[in-house]
Amino acid sequence: MNRTETQDRQADTNASDRAVAVVLRHVAFEDAGTWGEVLEGHGFELRYLRAGVDALDAGAFAGADLLVILGGPIGVHDRDAYPFLDDQMRSIASWMSLGAPTLGICLGAQMIATVLGARVHPGAAPEFGFAPLSLTAAGRSSVLSALDGVPVLHWHSDVFELPDECVSLAQTEHCGAQAFTVGDHVLALQFHPEADPARIEEWLIGHAVELASHGVDPRTIRGDAARYGERLRTASTDMLRRWLRGLPRE
């Protein structure tokens, strides 16, 4: 066997030994962003599922070691208009009932909160753009400490109440629940630490109608992405690495 064949076989073996992170995506441009490389570096193979396209039945997450639920422009209360949400929520509930590692961002965090019995509803005021979090005492001693004082990207008008038996980690003026954790295996984030500042234009284009409806000037977000983006990238990827290292091991 020549060297190339040996390398190829070793690569196949290494790939088969990798853990799997299923990433549930609602719109194409909201992907794992800056966190994709971190997840891969931690040994995960990323497998995307497209909400509303790929089947999300009870076995949708079979073989996964981690579920990442990303954001999107719809809400958990839109099930009549978007029936696939029923299957999606049942699949997430089934996964979480196993005590399996789960990470939710924005809509993903709202879905986690819903599964845990908390209410999701329109917030007192929408939040779009870069602004820092106010960490709770628990947040300052958690993985979110990496984000202390760092402007993060907010992109939501709905908010979630805190589920029972969770630990609140952060808040903002208009959103009393920005992040929570359940044990070491569930992390829910209302904000977007994963957004790649180099690709902010995709967000501005994809959410143009939403921004206009809330009177948000895309030039402000574009400028702040250039101003704060690299700082957020460094802090948020550090936060993710810490959380991954703390996941329960079998």
C-alpha atoms as a PDB file:
ATOM      1  CA  MET A   1       0.000   0.000   0.000  1.00  0.00           C
ATOM      2  CA  ASN A   2       1.495   3.373  -0.954  1.00  0.00           C
ATOM      3  CA  ARG A   3       1.692   6.416   1.329  1.00  0.00           C
ATOM      4  CA  THR A   4      -1.322   8.159  -0.204  1.00  0.00           C
ATOM      5  CA  GLU A   5      -3.537   5.098   0.267  1.00  0.00           C
ATOM      6  CA  THR A   6      -2.377   4.810   3.878  1.00  0.00           C
ATOM      7  CA  GLN A   7      -3.169   8.461   4.517  1.00  0.00           C
ATOM      8  CA  ASP A   8      -6.612   8.112   2.915  1.00  0.00           C
ATOM      9  CA  ARG A   9      -7.425   5.044   5.004  1.00  0.00           C
ATOM     10  CA  GLN A  10      -6.232   6.794   8.169  1.00  0.00           C
ATOM     11  CA  ALA A  11      -8.384   9.827   7.311  1.00  0.00           C
ATOM     12  CA  ASP A  12     -11.426   7.589   6.830  1.00  0.00           C
ATOM     13  CA  THR A  13     -10.746   5.900  10.172  1.00  0.00           C
ATOM     14  CA  ASN A  14     -10.343   9.239  11.950  1.00  0.00           C
ATOM     15  CA  ALA A  15     -13.565  10.540  10.390  1.00  0.00           C
ATOM     16  CA  SER A  16     -15.496   7.474  11.517  1.00  0.00           C
ATOM     17  CA  ASP A  17     -14.218   7.976  15.079  1.00  0.00           C
ATOM     18  CA  ARG A  18     -15.382  11.592  15.258  1.00  0.00           C
ATOM     19  CA  ALA A  19     -18.329  12.721  17.337  1.00  0.00           C
ATOM     20  CA  VAL A  20     -21.306  14.162  15.455  1.00  0.00           C
ATOM     21  CA  ALA A  21     -22.851  17.575  16.007  1.00  0.00           C
ATOM     22  CA  VAL A  22     -26.240  17.851  14.309  1.00  0.00           C
ATOM     23  CA  VAL A  23     -26.841  21.520  13.466  1.00  0.00           C
ATOM     24  CA  LEU A  24     -30.473  22.465  12.888  1.00  0.00           C
ATOM     25  CA  ARG A  25     -30.577  25.440  10.510  1.00  0.00           C
ATOM     26  CA  HIS A  26     -33.642  27.553   9.649  1.00  0.00           C
ATOM     27  CA  VAL A  27     -32.147  29.880   7.005  1.00  0.00           C
ATOM     28  CA  ALA A  28     -29.051  29.210   4.931  1.00  0.00           C
ATOM     29  CA  PHE A  29     -26.976  32.216   6.010  1.00  0.00           C
ATOM     30  CA  GLU A  30     -27.507  31.570   9.732  1.00  0.00           C
ATOM     31  CA  ASP A  31     -25.129  28.647  10.106  1.00  0.00           C
ATOM     32  CA  ALA A  32     -22.568  27.703  12.745  1.00  0.00           C
ATOM     33  CA  GLY A  33     -20.557  30.770  11.744  1.00  0.00           C
ATOM     34  CA  THR A  34     -17.370  31.281  13.712  1.00  0.00           C
ATOM     35  CA  TRP A  35     -18.259  28.275  15.853  1.00  0.00           C
ATOM     36  CA  GLY A  36     -17.963  25.768  13.026  1.00  0.00           C
ATOM     37  CA  GLU A  37     -14.184  25.645  13.202  1.00  0.00           C
ATOM     38  CA  VAL A  38     -14.271  25.370  17.007  1.00  0.00           C
ATOM     39  CA  LEU A  39     -16.664  22.423  16.892  1.00  0.00           C
ATOM     40  CA  GLU A  40     -14.559  20.669  14.280  1.00  0.00           C
ATOM     41  CA  GLY A  41     -11.409  21.375  16.252  1.00  0.00           C
ATOM     42  CA  HIS A  42     -13.046  19.776  19.279  1.00  0.00           C
ATOM     43  CA  GLY A  43     -13.575  16.584  17.288  1.00  0.00           C
ATOM     44  CA  PHE A  44     -17.096  17.068  15.942  1.00  0.00           C
ATOM     45  CA  GLU A  45     -18.274  16.362  12.436  1.00  0.00           C
ATOM     46  CA  LEU A  46     -20.973  18.918  11.555  1.00  0.00           C
ATOM     47  CA  ARG A  47     -24.144  17.559   9.977  1.00  0.00           C
ATOM     48  CA  TYR A  48     -26.675  20.201   8.986  1.00  0.00           C
ATOM     49  CA  LEU A  49     -30.412  19.581   8.955  1.00  0.00           C
ATOM     50  CA  ARG A  50     -32.569  22.101   7.084  1.00  0.00           C
ATOM     51  CA  ALA A  51     -35.745  22.994   8.935  1.00  0.00           C
ATOM     52  CA  GLY A  52     -38.782  22.659   6.703  1.00  0.00           C
ATOM     53  CA  VAL A  53     -36.853  20.570   4.167  1.00  0.00           C
ATOM     54  CA  ASP A  54     -35.216  17.614   5.914  1.00  0.00           C
ATOM     55  CA  ALA A  55     -37.308  15.110   7.837  1.00  0.00           C
ATOM     56  CA  LEU A  56     -37.496  15.914  11.528  1.00  0.00           C
ATOM     57  CA  ASP A  57     -39.197  12.830  12.882  1.00  0.00           C
ATOM     58  CA  ALA A  58     -38.400  11.038  16.131  1.00  0.00           C
ATOM     59  CA  GLY A  59     -35.154   9.633  14.719  1.00  0.00           C
ATOM     60  CA  ALA A  60     -33.908  12.866  13.181  1.00  0.00           C
ATOM     61  CA  PHE A  61     -30.999  13.218  15.589  1.00  0.00           C
ATOM     62  CA  ALA A  62     -30.025   9.537  15.757  1.00  0.00           C
ATOM     63  CA  GLY A  63     -26.279   9.093  16.002  1.00  0.00           C
ATOM     64  CA  ALA A  64     -25.674  12.632  17.216  1.00  0.00           C
ATOM     65  CA  ASP A  65     -23.502  13.495  20.197  1.00  0.00           C
ATOM     66  CA  LEU A  66     -24.510  17.156  20.307  1.00  0.00           C
ATOM     67  CA  LEU A  67     -27.530  19.085  19.010  1.00  0.00           C
ATOM     68  CA  VAL A  68     -27.083  22.727  17.989  1.00  0.00           C
ATOM     69  CA  ILE A  69     -30.313  24.621  17.241  1.00  0.00           C
ATOM     70  CA  LEU A  70     -29.738  27.863  15.345  1.00  0.00           C
ATOM     71  CA  GLY A  71     -31.819  31.009  14.942  1.00  0.00           C
ATOM     72  CA  GLY A  72     -34.346  32.016  12.324  1.00  0.00           C
ATOM     73  CA  PRO A  73     -37.007  34.589  11.444  1.00  0.00           C
ATOM     74  CA  ILE A  74     -39.997  32.544  12.652  1.00  0.00           C
ATOM     75  CA  GLY A  75     -41.132  31.861  16.200  1.00  0.00           C
ATOM     76  CA  VAL A  76     -42.268  28.964  18.339  1.00  0.00           C
ATOM     77  CA  HIS A  77     -45.795  30.410  18.234  1.00  0.00           C
ATOM     78  CA  ASP A  78     -45.957  30.173  14.412  1.00  0.00           C
ATOM     79  CA  ARG A  79     -46.899  26.485  14.280  1.00  0.00           C
ATOM     80  CA  ASP A  80     -50.180  27.020  12.395  1.00  0.00           C
ATOM     81  CA  ALA A  81     -48.368  28.872   9.623  1.00  0.00           C
ATOM     82  CA  TYR A  82     -45.324  26.567   9.668  1.00  0.00           C
ATOM     83  CA  PRO A  83     -46.530  23.042  10.573  1.00  0.00           C
ATOM     84  CA  PHE A  84     -43.031  21.538  10.419  1.00  0.00           C
ATOM     85  CA  LEU A  85     -42.410  23.241  13.755  1.00  0.00           C
ATOM     86  CA  ASP A  86     -44.568  20.610  15.466  1.00  0.00           C
ATOM     87  CA  ASP A  87     -42.306  17.769  14.326  1.00  0.00           C
ATOM     88  CA  GLN A  88     -39.245  19.840  15.097  1.00  0.00           C
ATOM     89  CA  MET A  89     -40.350  20.607  18.648  1.00  0.00           C
ATOM     90  CA  ARG A  90     -41.254  16.961  19.291  1.00  0.00           C
ATOM     91  CA  SER A  91     -37.832  15.868  18.039  1.00  0.00           C
ATOM     92  CA  ILE A  92     -36.076  18.391  20.258  1.00  0.00           C
ATOM     93  CA  ALA A  93     -38.173  17.336  23.259  1.00  0.00           C
ATOM     94  CA  SER A  94     -37.345  13.668  22.636  1.00  0.00           C
ATOM     95  CA  TRP A  95     -33.637  14.484  22.360  1.00  0.00           C
ATOM     96  CA  MET A  96     -33.599  16.592  25.523  1.00  0.00           C
ATOM     97  CA  SER A  97     -35.477  13.926  27.484  1.00  0.00           C
ATOM     98  CA  LEU A  98     -32.327  11.826  27.138  1.00  0.00           C
ATOM     99  CA  GLY A  99     -30.259  14.436  28.957  1.00  0.00           C
ATOM    100  CA  ALA A 100     -28.211  14.862  25.787  1.00  0.00           C
ATOM    101  CA  PRO A 101     -25.932  17.878  25.133  1.00  0.00           C
ATOM    102  CA  THR A 102     -27.942  20.714  23.590  1.00  0.00           C
ATOM    103  CA  LEU A 103     -26.951  24.222  22.516  1.00  0.00           C
ATOM    104  CA  GLY A 104     -29.581  26.742  21.378  1.00  0.00           C
ATOM    105  CA  ILE A 105     -29.131  30.174  19.837  1.00  0.00           C
ATOM    106  CA  CYS A 106     -31.944  32.761  19.586  1.00  0.00           C
ATOM    107  CA  LEU A 107     -34.897  30.798  18.132  1.00  0.00           C
ATOM    108  CA  GLY A 108     -33.047  27.662  19.243  1.00  0.00           C
ATOM    109  CA  ALA A 109     -32.932  28.975  22.816  1.00  0.00           C
ATOM    110  CA  GLN A 110     -36.645  29.797  22.656  1.00  0.00           C
ATOM    111  CA  MET A 111     -37.348  26.227  21.535  1.00  0.00           C
ATOM    112  CA  ILE A 112     -35.343  24.844  24.446  1.00  0.00           C
ATOM    113  CA  ALA A 113     -37.251  27.108  26.842  1.00  0.00           C
ATOM    114  CA  THR A 114     -40.560  25.944  25.368  1.00  0.00           C
ATOM    115  CA  VAL A 115     -39.620  22.271  25.711  1.00  0.00           C
ATOM    116  CA  LEU A 116     -38.754  22.951  29.354  1.00  0.00           C
ATOM    117  CA  GLY A 117     -42.189  24.470  29.972  1.00  0.00           C
ATOM    118  CA  ALA A 118     -41.391  28.187  29.839  1.00  0.00           C
ATOM    119  CA  ARG A 119     -43.354  30.830  27.947  1.00  0.00           C
ATOM    120  CA  VAL A 120     -42.084  32.615  24.820  1.00  0.00           C
ATOM    121  CA  HIS A 121     -43.707  35.949  23.954  1.00  0.00           C
ATOM    122  CA  PRO A 122     -43.025  39.329  22.315  1.00  0.00           C
ATOM    123  CA  GLY A 123     -40.508  41.356  24.286  1.00  0.00           C
ATOM    124  CA  ALA A 124     -40.952  44.844  25.676  1.00  0.00           C
ATOM    125  CA  ALA A 125     -38.781  46.169  22.854  1.00  0.00           C
ATOM    126  CA  PRO A 126     -36.918  44.519  19.966  1.00  0.00           C
ATOM    127  CA  GLU A 127     -33.153  44.200  20.163  1.00  0.00           C
ATOM    128  CA  PHE A 128     -31.135  44.446  16.964  1.00  0.00           C
ATOM    129  CA  GLY A 129     -27.434  45.237  16.860  1.00  0.00           C
ATOM    130  CA  PHE A 130     -24.372  45.065  19.063  1.00  0.00           C
ATOM    131  CA  ALA A 131     -24.573  45.682  22.816  1.00  0.00           C
ATOM    132  CA  PRO A 132     -22.983  44.068  25.888  1.00  0.00           C
ATOM    133  CA  LEU A 133     -24.720  41.697  28.264  1.00  0.00           C
ATOM    134  CA  SER A 134     -25.255  42.171  31.965  1.00  0.00           C
ATOM    135  CA  LEU A 135     -24.027  38.949  33.540  1.00  0.00           C
ATOM    136  CA  THR A 136     -25.629  37.533  36.657  1.00  0.00           C
ATOM    137  CA  ALA A 137     -23.472  36.344  39.549  1.00  0.00           C
ATOM    138  CA  ALA A 138     -23.772  32.830  38.130  1.00  0.00           C
ATOM    139  CA  GLY A 139     -22.935  34.139  34.671  1.00  0.00           C
ATOM    140  CA  ARG A 140     -19.734  35.752  35.892  1.00  0.00           C
ATOM    141  CA  SER A 141     -18.545  32.389  37.186  1.00  0.00           C
ATOM    142  CA  SER A 142     -19.697  30.509  34.080  1.00  0.00           C
ATOM    143  CA  VAL A 143     -18.395  30.115  30.547  1.00  0.00           C
ATOM    144  CA  LEU A 144     -20.138  33.419  29.721  1.00  0.00           C
ATOM    145  CA  SER A 145     -17.470  35.243  31.706  1.00  0.00           C
ATOM    146  CA  ALA A 146     -15.513  35.271  28.441  1.00  0.00           C
ATOM    147  CA  LEU A 147     -18.148  37.703  27.096  1.00  0.00           C
ATOM    148  CA  ASP A 148     -18.085  40.107  30.039  1.00  0.00           C
ATOM    149  CA  GLY A 149     -18.058  43.653  28.624  1.00  0.00           C
ATOM    150  CA  VAL A 150     -17.988  42.434  25.010  1.00  0.00           C
ATOM    151  CA  PRO A 151     -20.720  43.795  22.681  1.00  0.00           C
ATOM    152  CA  VAL A 152     -22.610  40.796  21.305  1.00  0.00           C
ATOM    153  CA  LEU A 153     -25.038  40.653  18.392  1.00  0.00           C
ATOM    154  CA  HIS A 154     -28.737  40.816  19.313  1.00  0.00           C
ATOM    155  CA  TRP A 155     -31.391  39.971  16.730  1.00  0.00           C
ATOM    156  CA  HIS A 156     -34.816  39.272  18.219  1.00  0.00           C
ATOM    157  CA  SER A 157     -38.223  40.637  19.124  1.00  0.00           C
ATOM    158  CA  ASP A 158     -39.474  37.589  21.067  1.00  0.00           C
ATOM    159  CA  VAL A 159     -38.155  36.641  24.493  1.00  0.00           C
ATOM    160  CA  PHE A 160     -38.414  33.583  26.722  1.00  0.00           C
ATOM    161  CA  GLU A 161     -39.216  33.236  30.387  1.00  0.00           C
ATOM    162  CA  LEU A 162     -36.753  31.275  32.484  1.00  0.00           C
ATOM    163  CA  PRO A 163     -37.616  27.580  32.793  1.00  0.00           C
ATOM    164  CA  ASP A 164     -37.769  25.957  36.196  1.00  0.00           C
ATOM    165  CA  GLU A 165     -34.539  24.481  37.536  1.00  0.00           C
ATOM    166  CA  CYS A 166     -32.350  26.455  35.148  1.00  0.00           C
ATOM    167  CA  VAL A 167     -29.583  28.893  36.068  1.00  0.00           C
ATOM    168  CA  SER A 168     -29.881  32.420  34.654  1.00  0.00           C
ATOM    169  CA  LEU A 169     -26.588  33.707  33.249  1.00  0.00           C
ATOM    170  CA  ALA A 170     -27.275  37.080  31.596  1.00  0.00           C
ATOM    171  CA  GLN A 171     -29.796  39.790  30.833  1.00  0.00           C
ATOM    172  CA  THR A 172     -30.146  43.142  29.064  1.00  0.00           C
ATOM    173  CA  GLU A 173     -32.335  46.188  29.647  1.00  0.00           C
ATOM    174  CA  HIS A 174     -35.171  44.901  27.475  1.00  0.00           C
ATOM    175  CA  CYS A 175     -34.639  41.168  27.941  1.00  0.00           C
ATOM    176  CA  GLY A 176     -34.554  39.702  31.426  1.00  0.00           C
ATOM    177  CA  ALA A 177     -33.443  36.277  30.210  1.00  0.00           C
ATOM    178  CA  GLN A 178     -30.562  36.343  27.741  1.00  0.00           C
ATOM    179  CA  ALA A 179     -28.949  33.039  28.666  1.00  0.00           C
ATOM    180  CA  PHE A 180     -29.483  30.049  30.888  1.00  0.00           C
ATOM    181  CA  THR A 181     -28.015  26.656  31.513  1.00  0.00           C
ATOM    182  CA  VAL A 182     -29.412  23.374  32.767  1.00  0.00           C
ATOM    183  CA  GLY A 183     -26.724  21.292  34.394  1.00  0.00           C
ATOM    184  CA  ASP A 184     -23.590  21.001  32.296  1.00  0.00           C
ATOM    185  CA  HIS A 185     -25.346  19.781  29.160  1.00  0.00           C
ATOM    186  CA  VAL A 186     -27.815  22.506  28.078  1.00  0.00           C
ATOM    187  CA  LEU A 187     -26.880  26.071  27.138  1.00  0.00           C
ATOM    188  CA  ALA A 188     -29.479  28.473  25.727  1.00  0.00           C
ATOM    189  CA  LEU A 189     -28.475  31.888  24.367  1.00  0.00           C
ATOM    190  CA  GLN A 190     -30.929  34.539  23.154  1.00  0.00           C
ATOM    191  CA  PHE A 191     -28.151  36.517  21.428  1.00  0.00           C
ATOM    192  CA  HIS A 192     -25.904  35.510  18.512  1.00  0.00           C
ATOM    193  CA  PRO A 193     -22.293  34.856  19.586  1.00  0.00           C
ATOM    194  CA  GLU A 194     -21.700  32.669  16.509  1.00  0.00           C
ATOM    195  CA  ALA A 195     -22.351  35.312  13.828  1.00  0.00           C
ATOM    196  CA  ASP A 196     -19.342  35.815  11.567  1.00  0.00           C
ATOM    197  CA  PRO A 197     -18.585  39.556  11.272  1.00  0.00           C
ATOM    198  CA  ALA A 198     -17.065  38.958   7.840  1.00  0.00           C
ATOM    199  CA  ARG A 199     -20.479  37.754   6.636  1.00  0.00           C
ATOM    200  CA  ILE A 200     -22.732  40.342   8.286  1.00  0.00           C
ATOM    201  CA  GLU A 201     -23.914  41.545   4.883  1.00  0.00           C
ATOM    202  CA  GLU A 202     -25.735  38.237   4.388  1.00  0.00           C
ATOM    203  CA  TRP A 203     -27.696  38.943   7.570  1.00  0.00           C
ATOM    204  CA  LEU A 204     -28.472  42.498   6.515  1.00  0.00           C
ATOM    205  CA  ILE A 205     -29.759  41.333   3.139  1.00  0.00           C
ATOM    206  CA  GLY A 206     -31.607  38.274   4.424  1.00  0.00           C
ATOM    207  CA  HIS A 207     -33.354  40.211   7.191  1.00  0.00           C
ATOM    208  CA  ALA A 208     -33.839  43.487   5.273  1.00  0.00           C
ATOM    209  CA  VAL A 209     -37.632  43.497   5.680  1.00  0.00           C
ATOM    210  CA  GLU A 210     -37.417  42.708   9.389  1.00  0.00           C
ATOM    211  CA  LEU A 211     -34.871  45.464   9.984  1.00  0.00           C
ATOM    212  CA  ALA A 212     -36.964  47.987   8.075  1.00  0.00           C
ATOM    213  CA  SER A 213     -40.107  47.035   9.984  1.00  0.00           C
ATOM    214  CA  HIS A 214     -38.333  47.809  13.265  1.00  0.00           C
ATOM    215  CA  GLY A 215     -36.685  50.995  11.994  1.00  0.00           C
ATOM    216  CA  VAL A 216     -33.169  49.577  12.269  1.00  0.00           C
ATOM    217  CA  ASP A 217     -30.509  51.188  10.058  1.00  0.00           C
ATOM    218  CA  PRO A 218     -28.314  48.438   8.530  1.00  0.00           C
ATOM    219  CA  ARG A 219     -25.426  50.888   8.372  1.00  0.00           C
ATOM    220  CA  THR A 220     -25.270  50.938  12.160  1.00  0.00           C
ATOM    221  CA  ILE A 221     -25.017  47.157  12.414  1.00  0.00           C
ATOM    222  CA  ARG A 222     -22.506  47.034   9.559  1.00  0.00           C
ATOM    223  CA  GLY A 223     -20.288  49.602  11.258  1.00  0.00           C
ATOM    224  CA  ASP A 224     -20.514  47.903  14.644  1.00  0.00           C
ATOM    225  CA  ALA A 225     -19.693  44.528  13.084  1.00  0.00           C
ATOM    226  CA  ALA A 226     -16.467  46.050  11.783  1.00  0.00           C
ATOM    227  CA  ARG A 227     -15.811  47.701  15.151  1.00  0.00           C
ATOM    228  CA  TYR A 228     -16.619  44.824  17.514  1.00  0.00           C
ATOM    229  CA  GLY A 229     -16.691  41.714  15.342  1.00  0.00           C
ATOM    230  CA  GLU A 230     -13.186  40.394  15.879  1.00  0.00           C
ATOM    231  CA  ARG A 231     -13.383  40.995  19.615  1.00  0.00           C
ATOM    232  CA  LEU A 232     -16.641  39.041  19.702  1.00  0.00           C
ATOM    233  CA  ARG A 233     -15.145  36.260  17.588  1.00  0.00           C
ATOM    234  CA  THR A 234     -12.276  35.806  20.042  1.00  0.00           C
ATOM    235  CA  ALA A 235     -14.453  35.944  23.154  1.00  0.00           C
ATOM    236  CA  SER A 236     -17.297  33.786  21.857  1.00  0.00           C
ATOM    237  CA  THR A 237     -15.070  31.028  20.505  1.00  0.00           C
ATOM    238  CA  ASP A 238     -13.284  30.983  23.864  1.00  0.00           C
ATOM    239  CA  MET A 239     -16.682  30.650  25.560  1.00  0.00           C
ATOM    240  CA  LEU A 240     -17.662  27.735  23.312  1.00  0.00           C
ATOM    241  CA  ARG A 241     -14.381  25.916  23.909  1.00  0.00           C
ATOM    242  CA  ARG A 242     -14.909  26.189  27.662  1.00  0.00           C
ATOM    243  CA  TRP A 243     -18.458  24.860  27.396  1.00  0.00           C
ATOM    244  CA  LEU A 244     -17.432  21.929  25.208  1.00  0.00           C
ATOM    245  CA  ARG A 245     -14.674  20.988  27.644  1.00  0.00           C
ATOM    246  CA  GLY A 246     -17.258  20.913  30.429  1.00  0.00           C
ATOM    247  CA  LEU A 247     -19.695  18.554  28.703  1.00  0.00           C
ATOM    248  CA  PRO A 248     -20.360  15.330  30.595  1.00  0.00           C
ATOM    249  CA  ARG A 249     -18.288  12.450  29.274  1.00  0.00           C
ATOM    250  CA  GLU A 250     -19.641   8.927  28.963  1.00  0.00           C
END
